[in-house]
């Protein structure tokens, strides 16, 4: 049973951060309807714990639907909300999941980009609204995972994509991805310059096509290609990767390649 003290503390947290909780979750004002009944607002607590759903309900008002810091109340805040899509890029390619989790949950130090944060401390708020600690933990983990998916492509050497490329691709494509790897002399065809995909595709990076080429399992047009079929290679690895984990690896490589594309003026 929630005490008056708990609810007062919840209201204080929302006010002290400079954001009214009801506004942050886009609840309509209560008022009489045509039949004279008072309109009841939807529950503050979202039933779904899906990361995308939670982000759109609790975070998008400030950070924007795409996480770029352009939410509908962003202009009214003393400090502009952080562009969450740049966290990995600012951390040499590695998404700082633990620091993001600490910030959302309300423990540890905040991310430097937030400065004097006006962001609500969602961990205590979720715990005050939801009696299930398990659901609260799952909700926070899913929000953190979802923000990780919003990251812009980066060439940072600590990123998963960069590490996978160095381990699996550089021997043929070269560390600079321009087709000058140490194994090129053993191949029937010189590996392509992977930094020119965008230039060869009219200025648009062909993400889906690149994914299919790396995966290799569903691209029959390649025939007897020299390039390993990494979808099969990852699935047969000693790590016993799931389909989701394989997709995450290939997505990381694709994101890295997108981040190293040469501009037409280069």
C-alpha atoms as a PDB file:
ATOM      1  CA  UNK A   1       0.000   0.000   0.000  1.00  0.00           C
ATOM      2  CA  UNK A   2       1.425   3.370  -1.033  1.00  0.00           C
ATOM      3  CA  UNK A   3       1.635   5.972   1.726  1.00  0.00           C
ATOM      4  CA  UNK A   4       0.921   9.691   1.442  1.00  0.00           C
ATOM      5  CA  UNK A   5       4.626  10.210   2.029  1.00  0.00           C
ATOM      6  CA  UNK A   6       5.497   8.086  -1.008  1.00  0.00           C
ATOM      7  CA  UNK A   7       3.062   9.930  -3.260  1.00  0.00           C
ATOM      8  CA  UNK A   8       4.261  13.305  -1.946  1.00  0.00           C
ATOM      9  CA  UNK A   9       7.832  12.302  -2.658  1.00  0.00           C
ATOM     10  CA  UNK A  10       6.830  11.265  -6.190  1.00  0.00           C
ATOM     11  CA  UNK A  11       5.216  14.651  -6.816  1.00  0.00           C
ATOM     12  CA  UNK A  12       8.243  16.438  -5.379  1.00  0.00           C
ATOM     13  CA  UNK A  13      10.632  14.516  -7.653  1.00  0.00           C
ATOM     14  CA  UNK A  14       8.628  15.435 -10.740  1.00  0.00           C
ATOM     15  CA  UNK A  15       8.421  19.118  -9.734  1.00  0.00           C
ATOM     16  CA  UNK A  16      12.026  19.433  -8.591  1.00  0.00           C
ATOM     17  CA  UNK A  17      13.314  18.271 -11.959  1.00  0.00           C
ATOM     18  CA  UNK A  18      11.399  21.035 -13.705  1.00  0.00           C
ATOM     19  CA  UNK A  19       8.942  18.680 -15.454  1.00  0.00           C
ATOM     20  CA  UNK A  20       5.399  17.977 -14.353  1.00  0.00           C
ATOM     21  CA  UNK A  21       5.012  14.223 -14.584  1.00  0.00           C
ATOM     22  CA  UNK A  22       1.523  14.460 -16.041  1.00  0.00           C
ATOM     23  CA  UNK A  23       2.750  16.688 -18.850  1.00  0.00           C
ATOM     24  CA  UNK A  24       5.747  14.479 -19.507  1.00  0.00           C
ATOM     25  CA  UNK A  25       3.542  11.502 -20.254  1.00  0.00           C
ATOM     26  CA  UNK A  26       1.098  13.524 -22.367  1.00  0.00           C
ATOM     27  CA  UNK A  27      -1.988  13.024 -20.215  1.00  0.00           C
ATOM     28  CA  UNK A  28      -5.034  15.139 -21.157  1.00  0.00           C
ATOM     29  CA  UNK A  29      -6.507  17.538 -18.658  1.00  0.00           C
ATOM     30  CA  UNK A  30      -9.563  16.219 -16.852  1.00  0.00           C
ATOM     31  CA  UNK A  31     -12.830  17.973 -17.553  1.00  0.00           C
ATOM     32  CA  UNK A  32     -16.556  17.359 -17.982  1.00  0.00           C
ATOM     33  CA  UNK A  33     -17.760  15.467 -21.044  1.00  0.00           C
ATOM     34  CA  UNK A  34     -20.998  16.113 -22.935  1.00  0.00           C
ATOM     35  CA  UNK A  35     -22.940  13.786 -20.623  1.00  0.00           C
ATOM     36  CA  UNK A  36     -21.699  15.596 -17.542  1.00  0.00           C
ATOM     37  CA  UNK A  37     -19.278  12.865 -16.436  1.00  0.00           C
ATOM     38  CA  UNK A  38     -15.733  13.847 -15.551  1.00  0.00           C
ATOM     39  CA  UNK A  39     -13.158  12.600 -18.019  1.00  0.00           C
ATOM     40  CA  UNK A  40     -10.738  10.110 -16.491  1.00  0.00           C
ATOM     41  CA  UNK A  41      -7.115  10.316 -17.619  1.00  0.00           C
ATOM     42  CA  UNK A  42      -5.310   7.158 -18.741  1.00  0.00           C
ATOM     43  CA  UNK A  43      -3.050   5.464 -16.213  1.00  0.00           C
ATOM     44  CA  UNK A  44       0.356   7.090 -15.753  1.00  0.00           C
ATOM     45  CA  UNK A  45       1.885   3.619 -15.616  1.00  0.00           C
ATOM     46  CA  UNK A  46       2.110   2.043 -19.070  1.00  0.00           C
ATOM     47  CA  UNK A  47       1.119  -1.608 -18.984  1.00  0.00           C
ATOM     48  CA  UNK A  48       3.611  -2.586 -21.685  1.00  0.00           C
ATOM     49  CA  UNK A  49       7.256  -2.857 -20.615  1.00  0.00           C
ATOM     50  CA  UNK A  50       8.490  -2.837 -24.227  1.00  0.00           C
ATOM     51  CA  UNK A  51      11.452  -0.481 -24.595  1.00  0.00           C
ATOM     52  CA  UNK A  52       9.994   1.405 -27.545  1.00  0.00           C
ATOM     53  CA  UNK A  53       6.625   1.859 -25.824  1.00  0.00           C
ATOM     54  CA  UNK A  54       8.204   3.053 -22.583  1.00  0.00           C
ATOM     55  CA  UNK A  55      10.531   5.439 -24.400  1.00  0.00           C
ATOM     56  CA  UNK A  56       7.699   7.028 -26.337  1.00  0.00           C
ATOM     57  CA  UNK A  57       5.583   7.427 -23.191  1.00  0.00           C
ATOM     58  CA  UNK A  58       8.192   8.614 -20.704  1.00  0.00           C
ATOM     59  CA  UNK A  59      11.161   9.959 -22.689  1.00  0.00           C
ATOM     60  CA  UNK A  60       9.997  11.260 -26.076  1.00  0.00           C
ATOM     61  CA  UNK A  61       8.301  14.367 -24.662  1.00  0.00           C
ATOM     62  CA  UNK A  62      11.771  15.782 -23.956  1.00  0.00           C
ATOM     63  CA  UNK A  63      14.134  13.703 -26.088  1.00  0.00           C
ATOM     64  CA  UNK A  64      11.883  13.410 -29.145  1.00  0.00           C
ATOM     65  CA  UNK A  65      10.482  10.319 -30.785  1.00  0.00           C
ATOM     66  CA  UNK A  66      13.810   9.564 -32.480  1.00  0.00           C
ATOM     67  CA  UNK A  67      15.903  10.459 -29.427  1.00  0.00           C
ATOM     68  CA  UNK A  68      17.570  13.535 -30.938  1.00  0.00           C
ATOM     69  CA  UNK A  69      16.645  15.911 -28.107  1.00  0.00           C
ATOM     70  CA  UNK A  70      13.864  17.687 -29.995  1.00  0.00           C
ATOM     71  CA  UNK A  71      10.808  16.700 -27.965  1.00  0.00           C
ATOM     72  CA  UNK A  72       7.772  18.948 -27.698  1.00  0.00           C
ATOM     73  CA  UNK A  73       8.818  20.439 -24.339  1.00  0.00           C
ATOM     74  CA  UNK A  74      12.559  20.606 -25.075  1.00  0.00           C
ATOM     75  CA  UNK A  75      12.497  24.341 -25.823  1.00  0.00           C
ATOM     76  CA  UNK A  76      10.966  25.090 -22.407  1.00  0.00           C
ATOM     77  CA  UNK A  77      13.806  23.443 -20.468  1.00  0.00           C
ATOM     78  CA  UNK A  78      16.813  25.297 -19.068  1.00  0.00           C
ATOM     79  CA  UNK A  79      19.140  22.639 -20.502  1.00  0.00           C
ATOM     80  CA  UNK A  80      18.380  21.121 -23.894  1.00  0.00           C
ATOM     81  CA  UNK A  81      17.831  17.361 -23.627  1.00  0.00           C
ATOM     82  CA  UNK A  82      20.744  15.277 -24.822  1.00  0.00           C
ATOM     83  CA  UNK A  83      20.790  13.831 -28.318  1.00  0.00           C
ATOM     84  CA  UNK A  84      20.644  10.185 -27.309  1.00  0.00           C
ATOM     85  CA  UNK A  85      21.631   8.986 -30.773  1.00  0.00           C
ATOM     86  CA  UNK A  86      25.176  10.310 -30.252  1.00  0.00           C
ATOM     87  CA  UNK A  87      26.098   8.489 -27.035  1.00  0.00           C
ATOM     88  CA  UNK A  88      28.151   5.754 -28.746  1.00  0.00           C
ATOM     89  CA  UNK A  89      29.857   8.264 -31.023  1.00  0.00           C
ATOM     90  CA  UNK A  90      30.932  10.310 -27.989  1.00  0.00           C
ATOM     91  CA  UNK A  91      32.258   7.158 -26.340  1.00  0.00           C
ATOM     92  CA  UNK A  92      34.591   6.032 -29.153  1.00  0.00           C
ATOM     93  CA  UNK A  93      31.943   3.786 -30.673  1.00  0.00           C
ATOM     94  CA  UNK A  94      30.886   1.950 -27.538  1.00  0.00           C
ATOM     95  CA  UNK A  95      27.317   2.497 -26.310  1.00  0.00           C
ATOM     96  CA  UNK A  96      27.645   3.272 -22.555  1.00  0.00           C
ATOM     97  CA  UNK A  97      24.764   1.036 -21.491  1.00  0.00           C
ATOM     98  CA  UNK A  98      25.756   0.885 -17.821  1.00  0.00           C
ATOM     99  CA  UNK A  99      25.925   4.670 -17.511  1.00  0.00           C
ATOM    100  CA  UNK A 100      22.609   5.079 -19.314  1.00  0.00           C
ATOM    101  CA  UNK A 101      21.046   2.514 -16.962  1.00  0.00           C
ATOM    102  CA  UNK A 102      22.430   4.372 -13.954  1.00  0.00           C
ATOM    103  CA  UNK A 103      20.964   7.622 -15.224  1.00  0.00           C
ATOM    104  CA  UNK A 104      17.528   6.169 -15.927  1.00  0.00           C
ATOM    105  CA  UNK A 105      17.399   4.167 -12.710  1.00  0.00           C
ATOM    106  CA  UNK A 106      18.649   7.064 -10.607  1.00  0.00           C
ATOM    107  CA  UNK A 107      21.897   5.794  -9.134  1.00  0.00           C
ATOM    108  CA  UNK A 108      25.514   6.657  -9.819  1.00  0.00           C
ATOM    109  CA  UNK A 109      26.701   9.753 -11.657  1.00  0.00           C
ATOM    110  CA  UNK A 110      24.859  11.147 -14.652  1.00  0.00           C
ATOM    111  CA  UNK A 111      26.184  11.303 -18.178  1.00  0.00           C
ATOM    112  CA  UNK A 112      28.319  14.427 -18.737  1.00  0.00           C
ATOM    113  CA  UNK A 113      26.115  15.422 -21.672  1.00  0.00           C
ATOM    114  CA  UNK A 114      23.191  15.918 -19.320  1.00  0.00           C
ATOM    115  CA  UNK A 115      24.933  18.525 -17.153  1.00  0.00           C
ATOM    116  CA  UNK A 116      22.575  19.883 -14.478  1.00  0.00           C
ATOM    117  CA  UNK A 117      19.846  17.455 -15.480  1.00  0.00           C
ATOM    118  CA  UNK A 118      16.164  18.330 -15.469  1.00  0.00           C
ATOM    119  CA  UNK A 119      15.422  14.722 -16.327  1.00  0.00           C
ATOM    120  CA  UNK A 120      13.068  12.893 -13.950  1.00  0.00           C
ATOM    121  CA  UNK A 121      14.684  10.082 -11.990  1.00  0.00           C
ATOM    122  CA  UNK A 122      12.570   7.347 -13.520  1.00  0.00           C
ATOM    123  CA  UNK A 123      13.742   4.477 -11.309  1.00  0.00           C
ATOM    124  CA  UNK A 124      12.084   5.812  -8.120  1.00  0.00           C
ATOM    125  CA  UNK A 125       9.075   7.003 -10.122  1.00  0.00           C
ATOM    126  CA  UNK A 126       8.564   3.567 -11.691  1.00  0.00           C
ATOM    127  CA  UNK A 127       8.994   1.905  -8.283  1.00  0.00           C
ATOM    128  CA  UNK A 128       6.414   4.237  -6.745  1.00  0.00           C
ATOM    129  CA  UNK A 129       3.920   3.451  -9.521  1.00  0.00           C
ATOM    130  CA  UNK A 130       4.538  -0.269  -9.981  1.00  0.00           C
ATOM    131  CA  UNK A 131       4.587  -2.694  -7.015  1.00  0.00           C
ATOM    132  CA  UNK A 132       6.622  -5.230  -9.024  1.00  0.00           C
ATOM    133  CA  UNK A 133      10.374  -4.697  -8.707  1.00  0.00           C
ATOM    134  CA  UNK A 134      10.858  -7.282 -11.466  1.00  0.00           C
ATOM    135  CA  UNK A 135       8.710  -5.298 -13.908  1.00  0.00           C
ATOM    136  CA  UNK A 136      10.509  -2.088 -12.991  1.00  0.00           C
ATOM    137  CA  UNK A 137      13.900  -3.690 -13.670  1.00  0.00           C
ATOM    138  CA  UNK A 138      12.678  -5.146 -16.980  1.00  0.00           C
ATOM    139  CA  UNK A 139      11.231  -1.778 -18.037  1.00  0.00           C
ATOM    140  CA  UNK A 140      14.490   0.036 -17.316  1.00  0.00           C
ATOM    141  CA  UNK A 141      16.586  -2.632 -19.075  1.00  0.00           C
ATOM    142  CA  UNK A 142      14.314  -2.448 -22.124  1.00  0.00           C
ATOM    143  CA  UNK A 143      14.554   1.358 -22.267  1.00  0.00           C
ATOM    144  CA  UNK A 144      18.348   1.126 -22.109  1.00  0.00           C
ATOM    145  CA  UNK A 145      18.377  -1.498 -24.867  1.00  0.00           C
ATOM    146  CA  UNK A 146      16.054   0.596 -27.018  1.00  0.00           C
ATOM    147  CA  UNK A 147      18.260   3.699 -26.686  1.00  0.00           C
ATOM    148  CA  UNK A 148      21.164   1.521 -27.808  1.00  0.00           C
ATOM    149  CA  UNK A 149      19.271   0.796 -31.028  1.00  0.00           C
ATOM    150  CA  UNK A 150      18.894   4.537 -31.675  1.00  0.00           C
ATOM    151  CA  UNK A 151      22.659   5.102 -31.930  1.00  0.00           C
ATOM    152  CA  UNK A 152      23.965   6.739 -35.080  1.00  0.00           C
ATOM    153  CA  UNK A 153      26.610   4.796 -37.045  1.00  0.00           C
ATOM    154  CA  UNK A 154      30.072   5.387 -35.655  1.00  0.00           C
ATOM    155  CA  UNK A 155      33.632   4.602 -36.630  1.00  0.00           C
ATOM    156  CA  UNK A 156      34.796   4.454 -33.014  1.00  0.00           C
ATOM    157  CA  UNK A 157      37.266   1.621 -32.537  1.00  0.00           C
ATOM    158  CA  UNK A 158      35.637   0.449 -29.302  1.00  0.00           C
ATOM    159  CA  UNK A 159      32.340  -0.233 -31.033  1.00  0.00           C
ATOM    160  CA  UNK A 160      31.121  -3.762 -31.713  1.00  0.00           C
ATOM    161  CA  UNK A 161      30.988  -3.123 -35.454  1.00  0.00           C
ATOM    162  CA  UNK A 162      34.600  -1.937 -35.582  1.00  0.00           C
ATOM    163  CA  UNK A 163      35.801  -4.903 -33.543  1.00  0.00           C
ATOM    164  CA  UNK A 164      33.899  -7.403 -35.678  1.00  0.00           C
ATOM    165  CA  UNK A 165      35.179  -5.804 -38.879  1.00  0.00           C
ATOM    166  CA  UNK A 166      38.770  -5.928 -37.616  1.00  0.00           C
ATOM    167  CA  UNK A 167      38.396  -9.581 -36.613  1.00  0.00           C
ATOM    168  CA  UNK A 168      36.462 -10.978 -39.558  1.00  0.00           C
ATOM    169  CA  UNK A 169      36.738  -8.594 -42.519  1.00  0.00           C
ATOM    170  CA  UNK A 170      40.016  -6.663 -42.444  1.00  0.00           C
ATOM    171  CA  UNK A 171      42.161  -9.588 -43.612  1.00  0.00           C
ATOM    172  CA  UNK A 172      40.573  -9.263 -47.066  1.00  0.00           C
ATOM    173  CA  UNK A 173      39.134  -5.743 -47.132  1.00  0.00           C
ATOM    174  CA  UNK A 174      41.958  -4.072 -45.242  1.00  0.00           C
ATOM    175  CA  UNK A 175      41.869  -2.161 -41.973  1.00  0.00           C
ATOM    176  CA  UNK A 176      40.703   0.898 -43.933  1.00  0.00           C
ATOM    177  CA  UNK A 177      38.027  -1.172 -45.777  1.00  0.00           C
ATOM    178  CA  UNK A 178      39.399  -0.149 -49.163  1.00  0.00           C
ATOM    179  CA  UNK A 179      40.169  -3.647 -50.447  1.00  0.00           C
ATOM    180  CA  UNK A 180      43.843  -3.823 -49.485  1.00  0.00           C
ATOM    181  CA  UNK A 181      43.871  -6.651 -46.944  1.00  0.00           C
ATOM    182  CA  UNK A 182      46.798  -9.025 -46.460  1.00  0.00           C
ATOM    183  CA  UNK A 183      44.910 -11.922 -48.083  1.00  0.00           C
ATOM    184  CA  UNK A 184      44.008 -10.151 -51.339  1.00  0.00           C
ATOM    185  CA  UNK A 185      46.769 -11.889 -53.312  1.00  0.00           C
ATOM    186  CA  UNK A 186      45.143 -15.259 -52.558  1.00  0.00           C
ATOM    187  CA  UNK A 187      41.754 -14.239 -53.927  1.00  0.00           C
ATOM    188  CA  UNK A 188      40.442 -14.585 -57.473  1.00  0.00           C
ATOM    189  CA  UNK A 189      38.923 -11.110 -57.337  1.00  0.00           C
ATOM    190  CA  UNK A 190      40.128  -8.033 -55.531  1.00  0.00           C
ATOM    191  CA  UNK A 191      37.748  -7.170 -52.653  1.00  0.00           C
ATOM    192  CA  UNK A 192      35.700  -4.027 -53.310  1.00  0.00           C
ATOM    193  CA  UNK A 193      36.339  -0.693 -51.639  1.00  0.00           C
ATOM    194  CA  UNK A 194      33.656  -0.770 -48.949  1.00  0.00           C
ATOM    195  CA  UNK A 195      33.903   2.955 -48.284  1.00  0.00           C
ATOM    196  CA  UNK A 196      32.337   3.756 -51.668  1.00  0.00           C
ATOM    197  CA  UNK A 197      28.969   2.039 -51.258  1.00  0.00           C
ATOM    198  CA  UNK A 198      27.189   5.365 -50.780  1.00  0.00           C
ATOM    199  CA  UNK A 199      28.948   6.995 -53.741  1.00  0.00           C
ATOM    200  CA  UNK A 200      28.123   4.022 -55.973  1.00  0.00           C
ATOM    201  CA  UNK A 201      24.489   4.132 -54.881  1.00  0.00           C
ATOM    202  CA  UNK A 202      23.649   7.712 -55.779  1.00  0.00           C
ATOM    203  CA  UNK A 203      24.489   9.159 -52.363  1.00  0.00           C
ATOM    204  CA  UNK A 204      22.375   6.734 -50.303  1.00  0.00           C
ATOM    205  CA  UNK A 205      23.937   3.981 -48.236  1.00  0.00           C
ATOM    206  CA  UNK A 206      22.267   0.682 -49.298  1.00  0.00           C
ATOM    207  CA  UNK A 207      21.889  -0.690 -45.781  1.00  0.00           C
ATOM    208  CA  UNK A 208      19.602  -3.624 -46.603  1.00  0.00           C
ATOM    209  CA  UNK A 209      21.729  -4.733 -49.548  1.00  0.00           C
ATOM    210  CA  UNK A 210      24.936  -4.560 -47.497  1.00  0.00           C
ATOM    211  CA  UNK A 211      23.250  -6.572 -44.732  1.00  0.00           C
ATOM    212  CA  UNK A 212      22.282  -9.267 -47.242  1.00  0.00           C
ATOM    213  CA  UNK A 213      25.802  -9.431 -48.661  1.00  0.00           C
ATOM    214  CA  UNK A 214      27.355  -9.901 -45.213  1.00  0.00           C
ATOM    215  CA  UNK A 215      24.721 -12.397 -44.106  1.00  0.00           C
ATOM    216  CA  UNK A 216      25.114 -14.239 -47.409  1.00  0.00           C
ATOM    217  CA  UNK A 217      22.562 -16.940 -46.722  1.00  0.00           C
ATOM    218  CA  UNK A 218      19.860 -15.413 -48.886  1.00  0.00           C
ATOM    219  CA  UNK A 219      21.836 -13.906 -51.781  1.00  0.00           C
ATOM    220  CA  UNK A 220      21.966 -16.635 -54.462  1.00  0.00           C
ATOM    221  CA  UNK A 221      23.299 -14.188 -57.062  1.00  0.00           C
ATOM    222  CA  UNK A 222      26.734 -14.331 -55.423  1.00  0.00           C
ATOM    223  CA  UNK A 223      27.352 -17.845 -56.665  1.00  0.00           C
ATOM    224  CA  UNK A 224      30.892 -19.023 -55.873  1.00  0.00           C
ATOM    225  CA  UNK A 225      31.969 -15.867 -54.101  1.00  0.00           C
ATOM    226  CA  UNK A 226      35.243 -15.745 -52.186  1.00  0.00           C
ATOM    227  CA  UNK A 227      33.660 -13.942 -49.249  1.00  0.00           C
ATOM    228  CA  UNK A 228      32.599 -16.137 -46.315  1.00  0.00           C
ATOM    229  CA  UNK A 229      28.883 -16.366 -45.581  1.00  0.00           C
ATOM    230  CA  UNK A 230      28.979 -14.711 -42.200  1.00  0.00           C
ATOM    231  CA  UNK A 231      25.411 -15.572 -41.288  1.00  0.00           C
ATOM    232  CA  UNK A 232      26.389 -19.263 -41.393  1.00  0.00           C
ATOM    233  CA  UNK A 233      29.791 -18.615 -39.820  1.00  0.00           C
ATOM    234  CA  UNK A 234      28.278 -16.792 -36.853  1.00  0.00           C
ATOM    235  CA  UNK A 235      25.583 -19.453 -36.420  1.00  0.00           C
ATOM    236  CA  UNK A 236      28.238 -22.203 -36.285  1.00  0.00           C
ATOM    237  CA  UNK A 237      30.464 -20.308 -33.864  1.00  0.00           C
ATOM    238  CA  UNK A 238      31.399 -21.827 -30.526  1.00  0.00           C
ATOM    239  CA  UNK A 239      29.310 -19.138 -28.829  1.00  0.00           C
ATOM    240  CA  UNK A 240      26.054 -20.759 -29.966  1.00  0.00           C
ATOM    241  CA  UNK A 241      24.542 -17.471 -31.117  1.00  0.00           C
ATOM    242  CA  UNK A 242      20.800 -17.055 -31.471  1.00  0.00           C
ATOM    243  CA  UNK A 243      19.254 -15.578 -34.615  1.00  0.00           C
ATOM    244  CA  UNK A 244      18.810 -12.291 -32.743  1.00  0.00           C
ATOM    245  CA  UNK A 245      22.480 -12.247 -31.724  1.00  0.00           C
ATOM    246  CA  UNK A 246      23.586 -13.011 -35.287  1.00  0.00           C
ATOM    247  CA  UNK A 247      21.425 -10.169 -36.575  1.00  0.00           C
ATOM    248  CA  UNK A 248      22.887  -7.836 -33.941  1.00  0.00           C
ATOM    249  CA  UNK A 249      26.425  -8.689 -35.092  1.00  0.00           C
ATOM    250  CA  UNK A 250      25.647  -8.101 -38.745  1.00  0.00           C
ATOM    251  CA  UNK A 251      23.765  -4.891 -37.921  1.00  0.00           C
ATOM    252  CA  UNK A 252      26.833  -3.683 -36.010  1.00  0.00           C
ATOM    253  CA  UNK A 253      29.111  -4.313 -39.006  1.00  0.00           C
ATOM    254  CA  UNK A 254      26.650  -2.607 -41.348  1.00  0.00           C
ATOM    255  CA  UNK A 255      26.462   0.386 -39.004  1.00  0.00           C
ATOM    256  CA  UNK A 256      30.250   0.609 -38.903  1.00  0.00           C
ATOM    257  CA  UNK A 257      30.467   0.525 -42.706  1.00  0.00           C
ATOM    258  CA  UNK A 258      27.823   3.230 -42.966  1.00  0.00           C
ATOM    259  CA  UNK A 259      29.905   5.387 -40.644  1.00  0.00           C
ATOM    260  CA  UNK A 260      33.087   5.123 -42.749  1.00  0.00           C
ATOM    261  CA  UNK A 261      31.594   5.993 -46.140  1.00  0.00           C
ATOM    262  CA  UNK A 262      33.668   8.475 -48.133  1.00  0.00           C
ATOM    263  CA  UNK A 263      31.995  11.667 -49.210  1.00  0.00           C
ATOM    264  CA  UNK A 264      32.032  12.473 -52.923  1.00  0.00           C
ATOM    265  CA  UNK A 265      34.542  15.307 -52.330  1.00  0.00           C
ATOM    266  CA  UNK A 266      37.081  12.996 -50.697  1.00  0.00           C
END
